[in-house]
N, C-alpha and C. Protein backbone atom coordinates (compact mmCIF):
# COMPACT_ATOMS: atom_id res chain seq x y z
N MET A 1 23.52 -42.30 111.17
CA MET A 1 24.42 -41.26 111.63
C MET A 1 25.85 -41.66 111.29
N LEU A 2 26.62 -40.69 110.96
CA LEU A 2 28.02 -40.90 110.59
C LEU A 2 28.89 -40.11 111.54
N ARG A 3 29.85 -40.76 112.14
CA ARG A 3 30.77 -40.06 113.04
C ARG A 3 31.99 -39.61 112.23
N VAL A 4 32.33 -38.34 112.40
CA VAL A 4 33.51 -37.79 111.75
C VAL A 4 34.33 -37.05 112.79
N SER A 5 35.58 -36.81 112.47
CA SER A 5 36.44 -36.07 113.39
C SER A 5 35.95 -34.63 113.51
N ALA A 6 36.39 -33.96 114.56
CA ALA A 6 36.02 -32.56 114.76
C ALA A 6 36.51 -31.70 113.59
N ALA A 7 37.70 -32.01 113.10
CA ALA A 7 38.25 -31.23 111.98
C ALA A 7 37.41 -31.42 110.72
N THR A 8 36.98 -32.65 110.47
CA THR A 8 36.13 -32.92 109.30
C THR A 8 34.78 -32.23 109.47
N HIS A 9 34.22 -32.28 110.65
CA HIS A 9 32.95 -31.60 110.91
C HIS A 9 33.09 -30.10 110.67
N ASP A 10 34.16 -29.52 111.18
CA ASP A 10 34.38 -28.08 110.99
C ASP A 10 34.51 -27.74 109.51
N ALA A 11 35.23 -28.59 108.76
CA ALA A 11 35.40 -28.35 107.33
C ALA A 11 34.07 -28.45 106.60
N LEU A 12 33.28 -29.47 106.93
CA LEU A 12 31.96 -29.62 106.33
C LEU A 12 31.08 -28.41 106.64
N GLN A 13 31.12 -27.99 107.87
CA GLN A 13 30.31 -26.85 108.30
C GLN A 13 30.72 -25.58 107.55
N GLU A 14 32.00 -25.35 107.41
CA GLU A 14 32.50 -24.16 106.72
C GLU A 14 32.14 -24.20 105.23
N LEU A 15 32.34 -25.34 104.61
CA LEU A 15 31.98 -25.46 103.18
C LEU A 15 30.49 -25.27 102.98
N ALA A 16 29.70 -25.83 103.86
CA ALA A 16 28.24 -25.68 103.76
C ALA A 16 27.85 -24.22 103.90
N ARG A 17 28.48 -23.54 104.83
CA ARG A 17 28.19 -22.12 105.03
C ARG A 17 28.56 -21.32 103.79
N GLN A 18 29.75 -21.59 103.24
CA GLN A 18 30.22 -20.86 102.06
C GLN A 18 29.32 -21.08 100.85
N ASP A 19 28.85 -22.30 100.67
CA ASP A 19 28.07 -22.64 99.48
C ASP A 19 26.56 -22.56 99.71
N HIS A 20 26.16 -22.24 100.94
CA HIS A 20 24.74 -22.12 101.29
C HIS A 20 23.98 -23.42 101.00
N ILE A 21 24.60 -24.52 101.40
CA ILE A 21 23.97 -25.84 101.28
C ILE A 21 24.15 -26.58 102.59
N SER A 22 23.48 -27.71 102.72
CA SER A 22 23.61 -28.48 103.96
C SER A 22 24.94 -29.23 104.00
N MET A 23 25.32 -29.62 105.21
CA MET A 23 26.53 -30.42 105.36
C MET A 23 26.37 -31.76 104.65
N GLN A 24 25.16 -32.31 104.64
CA GLN A 24 24.91 -33.56 103.94
C GLN A 24 25.16 -33.39 102.44
N GLU A 25 24.75 -32.25 101.90
CA GLU A 25 24.99 -32.00 100.48
C GLU A 25 26.49 -31.86 100.19
N VAL A 26 27.20 -31.17 101.07
CA VAL A 26 28.65 -31.05 100.90
C VAL A 26 29.28 -32.43 100.90
N LEU A 27 28.88 -33.26 101.83
CA LEU A 27 29.42 -34.62 101.91
C LEU A 27 29.09 -35.42 100.66
N GLY A 28 27.87 -35.28 100.16
CA GLY A 28 27.48 -35.97 98.94
C GLY A 28 28.31 -35.54 97.75
N VAL A 29 28.54 -34.23 97.62
CA VAL A 29 29.37 -33.71 96.53
C VAL A 29 30.80 -34.23 96.67
N ALA A 30 31.30 -34.24 97.89
CA ALA A 30 32.67 -34.71 98.12
C ALA A 30 32.82 -36.19 97.79
N VAL A 31 31.85 -37.00 98.18
CA VAL A 31 31.91 -38.43 97.89
C VAL A 31 31.84 -38.67 96.39
N GLU A 32 30.98 -37.94 95.69
CA GLU A 32 30.89 -38.09 94.23
C GLU A 32 32.20 -37.68 93.55
N ALA A 33 32.81 -36.60 94.01
CA ALA A 33 34.09 -36.16 93.44
C ALA A 33 35.17 -37.21 93.69
N TYR A 34 35.18 -37.79 94.88
CA TYR A 34 36.14 -38.84 95.21
C TYR A 34 35.91 -40.08 94.36
N ARG A 35 34.64 -40.45 94.16
CA ARG A 35 34.32 -41.60 93.33
C ARG A 35 34.82 -41.39 91.90
N ARG A 36 34.58 -40.20 91.37
CA ARG A 36 35.03 -39.90 90.01
C ARG A 36 36.56 -39.88 89.92
N GLU A 37 37.21 -39.34 90.95
CA GLU A 37 38.68 -39.32 90.98
C GLU A 37 39.23 -40.74 90.94
N ARG A 38 38.63 -41.63 91.71
CA ARG A 38 39.07 -43.03 91.73
C ARG A 38 38.83 -43.71 90.38
N LEU A 39 37.70 -43.40 89.75
CA LEU A 39 37.39 -43.96 88.44
C LEU A 39 38.43 -43.52 87.40
N ILE A 40 38.76 -42.24 87.41
CA ILE A 40 39.76 -41.73 86.47
C ILE A 40 41.13 -42.36 86.75
N ALA A 41 41.50 -42.47 88.01
CA ALA A 41 42.78 -43.09 88.35
C ALA A 41 42.82 -44.54 87.90
N ALA A 42 41.74 -45.28 88.10
CA ALA A 42 41.69 -46.69 87.67
C ALA A 42 41.76 -46.79 86.15
N THR A 43 41.08 -45.88 85.47
CA THR A 43 41.12 -45.87 84.01
C THR A 43 42.53 -45.57 83.52
N ASN A 44 43.17 -44.58 84.12
CA ASN A 44 44.55 -44.25 83.74
C ASN A 44 45.49 -45.42 84.00
N ASP A 45 45.32 -46.11 85.12
CA ASP A 45 46.14 -47.28 85.42
C ASP A 45 45.93 -48.38 84.37
N ALA A 46 44.68 -48.58 83.96
CA ALA A 46 44.38 -49.61 82.97
C ALA A 46 45.01 -49.26 81.62
N TYR A 47 44.94 -47.99 81.22
CA TYR A 47 45.57 -47.58 79.97
C TYR A 47 47.09 -47.71 80.05
N ALA A 48 47.67 -47.39 81.20
CA ALA A 48 49.12 -47.52 81.37
C ALA A 48 49.53 -48.99 81.25
N ALA A 49 48.76 -49.89 81.85
CA ALA A 49 49.05 -51.31 81.74
C ALA A 49 48.92 -51.78 80.29
N LEU A 50 47.89 -51.30 79.61
CA LEU A 50 47.70 -51.67 78.21
C LEU A 50 48.85 -51.17 77.35
N ARG A 51 49.26 -49.93 77.59
CA ARG A 51 50.35 -49.35 76.79
C ARG A 51 51.68 -50.06 77.05
N SER A 52 51.85 -50.64 78.22
CA SER A 52 53.10 -51.33 78.53
C SER A 52 53.20 -52.69 77.83
N ASN A 53 52.09 -53.16 77.29
CA ASN A 53 52.05 -54.42 76.56
C ASN A 53 51.91 -54.07 75.07
N GLU A 54 53.04 -54.00 74.38
CA GLU A 54 53.06 -53.50 73.00
C GLU A 54 52.10 -54.24 72.06
N PRO A 55 52.06 -55.57 72.07
CA PRO A 55 51.10 -56.24 71.17
C PRO A 55 49.64 -55.89 71.50
N ALA A 56 49.32 -55.84 72.77
CA ALA A 56 47.95 -55.51 73.16
C ALA A 56 47.63 -54.06 72.81
N TRP A 57 48.60 -53.16 73.01
CA TRP A 57 48.39 -51.75 72.67
C TRP A 57 48.17 -51.59 71.17
N GLN A 58 48.96 -52.30 70.39
CA GLN A 58 48.80 -52.22 68.93
C GLN A 58 47.44 -52.75 68.51
N GLU A 59 47.01 -53.84 69.12
CA GLU A 59 45.70 -54.39 68.80
C GLU A 59 44.59 -53.39 69.16
N PHE A 60 44.75 -52.74 70.30
CA PHE A 60 43.78 -51.72 70.72
C PHE A 60 43.75 -50.57 69.72
N GLN A 61 44.94 -50.11 69.32
CA GLN A 61 45.00 -49.02 68.35
C GLN A 61 44.37 -49.42 67.02
N ASP A 62 44.61 -50.65 66.60
CA ASP A 62 44.01 -51.14 65.37
C ASP A 62 42.48 -51.17 65.48
N ASP A 63 42.00 -51.64 66.63
CA ASP A 63 40.55 -51.66 66.86
C ASP A 63 39.98 -50.25 66.82
N MET A 64 40.66 -49.31 67.45
CA MET A 64 40.19 -47.93 67.46
C MET A 64 40.22 -47.33 66.06
N ALA A 65 41.24 -47.65 65.29
CA ALA A 65 41.34 -47.14 63.92
C ALA A 65 40.17 -47.65 63.09
N GLY A 66 39.72 -48.84 63.38
CA GLY A 66 38.58 -49.40 62.68
C GLY A 66 37.29 -48.66 62.95
N LEU A 67 37.28 -47.87 64.01
CA LEU A 67 36.08 -47.10 64.35
C LEU A 67 36.12 -45.70 63.73
N ASP A 68 37.24 -45.32 63.13
CA ASP A 68 37.32 -44.00 62.50
C ASP A 68 36.21 -43.84 61.49
N GLY A 69 35.55 -42.72 61.54
CA GLY A 69 34.50 -42.43 60.60
C GLY A 69 33.14 -42.98 60.97
N VAL A 70 33.06 -43.74 62.04
CA VAL A 70 31.79 -44.33 62.43
C VAL A 70 30.76 -43.25 62.75
N LEU A 71 31.21 -42.20 63.44
CA LEU A 71 30.28 -41.13 63.79
C LEU A 71 29.94 -40.25 62.60
N MET A 72 30.89 -40.10 61.71
CA MET A 72 30.71 -39.25 60.54
C MET A 72 30.22 -37.86 60.95
N ASP A 73 30.82 -37.33 62.05
CA ASP A 73 30.39 -36.03 62.54
C ASP A 73 31.15 -34.88 61.90
N GLY A 74 32.19 -35.20 61.11
CA GLY A 74 32.94 -34.17 60.42
C GLY A 74 33.93 -33.43 61.29
N LEU A 75 34.09 -33.86 62.55
CA LEU A 75 35.03 -33.19 63.44
C LEU A 75 36.41 -33.82 63.32
N ASP A 76 37.45 -32.99 63.43
CA ASP A 76 38.82 -33.51 63.42
C ASP A 76 39.09 -34.20 64.75
N ASP A 77 40.11 -35.06 64.76
CA ASP A 77 40.53 -35.71 66.00
C ASP A 77 40.95 -34.63 66.98
N ALA A 78 40.64 -34.85 68.25
CA ALA A 78 41.02 -33.92 69.30
C ALA A 78 42.51 -34.02 69.58
N PRO A 79 43.15 -32.91 69.99
CA PRO A 79 44.55 -32.99 70.41
C PRO A 79 44.69 -34.01 71.53
N GLY A 80 45.74 -34.80 71.49
CA GLY A 80 45.96 -35.81 72.52
C GLY A 80 45.11 -37.05 72.34
N ASP A 81 44.52 -37.22 71.17
CA ASP A 81 43.70 -38.39 70.89
C ASP A 81 44.50 -39.64 71.21
N ILE A 82 43.91 -40.59 71.92
CA ILE A 82 44.65 -41.80 72.35
C ILE A 82 45.16 -42.60 71.17
N ARG A 83 44.55 -42.46 70.02
CA ARG A 83 45.01 -43.21 68.87
C ARG A 83 46.28 -42.61 68.29
N GLY A 84 46.61 -41.38 68.75
CA GLY A 84 47.79 -40.72 68.20
C GLY A 84 49.10 -41.23 68.77
N GLY A 85 49.03 -42.14 69.71
CA GLY A 85 50.24 -42.73 70.26
C GLY A 85 50.70 -42.00 71.40
């Protein structure tokens, strides 16, 4: 059993009602979304730290450039590609 505040319980209950799922499912979806949010934030922090170290960033870019063409999928680089600087 998990104890939550009355406000959290009410929010879970309302979301469950709106989505026609159980409160446990709402909580599971919320925890997974929070886990993913934290993963993205940690990844962004790691890239920011890497970019702040110019020699390490250049080495990373060089390594990534070495992977160009590996897939040979014929697709152009996506806008905002990390190798674009």
